[in-house]
Protein backbone atom coordinates (compact mmCIF):
# COMPACT_ATOMS: atom_id res chain seq x y z
CA MET A 1 4.70 -9.56 -1.64
CA LEU A 2 4.21 -5.84 -1.30
CA THR A 3 7.02 -3.35 -1.39
CA GLY A 4 7.25 0.07 0.40
CA SER A 5 7.63 1.71 -2.97
CA GLN A 6 4.48 0.11 -4.04
CA ILE A 7 2.76 1.32 -1.07
CA ARG A 8 3.73 4.93 -1.41
CA GLY A 9 2.98 4.73 -5.17
CA ALA A 10 -0.47 3.37 -4.53
CA ARG A 11 -1.30 5.85 -1.80
CA ALA A 12 -0.04 8.76 -4.20
CA MET A 13 -2.41 7.49 -6.96
CA LEU A 14 -5.31 7.52 -4.63
CA GLY A 15 -4.40 10.82 -3.39
CA TRP A 16 -4.53 9.43 0.16
CA THR A 17 -2.68 10.76 3.19
CA ILE A 18 -0.88 8.30 5.51
CA ARG A 19 -3.53 8.81 8.00
CA GLU A 20 -6.21 7.85 5.38
CA LEU A 21 -4.38 4.67 4.37
CA ALA A 22 -4.10 3.63 7.98
CA ALA A 23 -7.79 4.15 8.61
CA HIS A 24 -8.62 2.04 5.52
CA ALA A 25 -6.09 -0.70 6.37
CA GLN A 26 -7.26 -0.53 10.19
CA MET A 27 -3.75 -0.01 11.35
CA SER A 28 -1.68 2.78 13.17
CA VAL A 29 -0.20 5.76 11.30
CA PRO A 30 3.42 4.80 12.55
CA THR A 31 2.95 1.22 11.15
CA VAL A 32 2.16 2.62 7.66
CA GLN A 33 4.91 5.03 7.92
CA ARG A 34 7.31 2.29 8.75
CA LEU A 35 6.27 0.06 5.98
CA GLU A 36 6.61 2.89 3.50
CA GLN A 37 10.24 3.66 4.43
CA HIS A 38 11.48 0.54 2.67
CA ASP A 39 12.05 0.30 -0.95
CA GLY A 40 11.99 -3.48 -1.01
CA VAL A 41 9.61 -5.82 0.89
CA PRO A 42 9.42 -4.26 4.48
CA PRO A 43 10.10 -6.49 7.55
CA SER A 44 6.57 -7.13 8.87
CA ARG A 45 4.23 -9.68 9.80
CA SER A 46 2.64 -11.23 6.57
CA GLN A 47 -0.74 -10.38 7.74
CA THR A 48 -0.12 -6.72 8.23
CA LEU A 49 1.19 -6.44 4.47
CA LEU A 50 -1.86 -8.50 3.37
CA ASP A 51 -4.31 -6.26 5.27
CA LEU A 52 -2.54 -3.13 3.69
CA LYS A 53 -2.73 -4.77 0.18
CA ALA A 54 -6.25 -5.61 0.46
CA ALA A 55 -7.27 -2.04 1.58
CA LEU A 56 -5.60 -0.59 -1.41
CA GLU A 57 -6.92 -3.13 -3.80
CA ARG A 58 -10.44 -2.41 -2.50
CA ALA A 59 -9.65 1.20 -3.45
CA GLY A 60 -8.89 0.22 -7.17
CA ILE A 61 -5.11 -0.39 -6.91
CA ALA A 62 -3.50 -3.56 -8.75
CA PHE A 63 -0.12 -4.59 -7.82
CA THR A 64 2.26 -5.68 -10.70
CA GLY A 65 5.71 -6.93 -11.08
CA THR A 66 8.06 -8.47 -8.73
CA PRO A 67 9.87 -7.13 -5.53
CA GLU A 68 12.78 -6.58 -7.64
CA GLU A 69 10.71 -4.74 -10.23
CA PRO A 70 7.54 -3.62 -8.45
CA GLY A 71 4.69 -1.94 -10.22
CA VAL A 72 1.33 -0.54 -9.34
CA VAL A 73 -1.67 0.58 -11.43
CA LEU A 74 -5.01 2.24 -10.74
CA ARG A 75 -7.63 -0.06 -12.15
CA ARG A 76 -10.50 2.46 -11.40
CA ARG A 77 -11.04 5.67 -9.63
CA PRO A 78 -12.30 5.28 -6.02
CA SER A 79 -15.51 6.70 -4.95
CA PRO A 80 -15.47 9.70 -2.78
């Protein structure tokens, strides 16, 4: 599952603001802010995390590791 630190790292790699990530994931800015506040797996509905993960993966992010040792890599540069 996705961790808050992976979300923050992925967003930084893409150069996205919280507002941009929220728009791509079709969720509210406060929801993204809440999820990013946790270093581990944030308490949330599974579908919310899956939607966020899918939006980041569409932009070229790949998630690696485990919740204990999370990782994130940029597979390709996103199109402008």
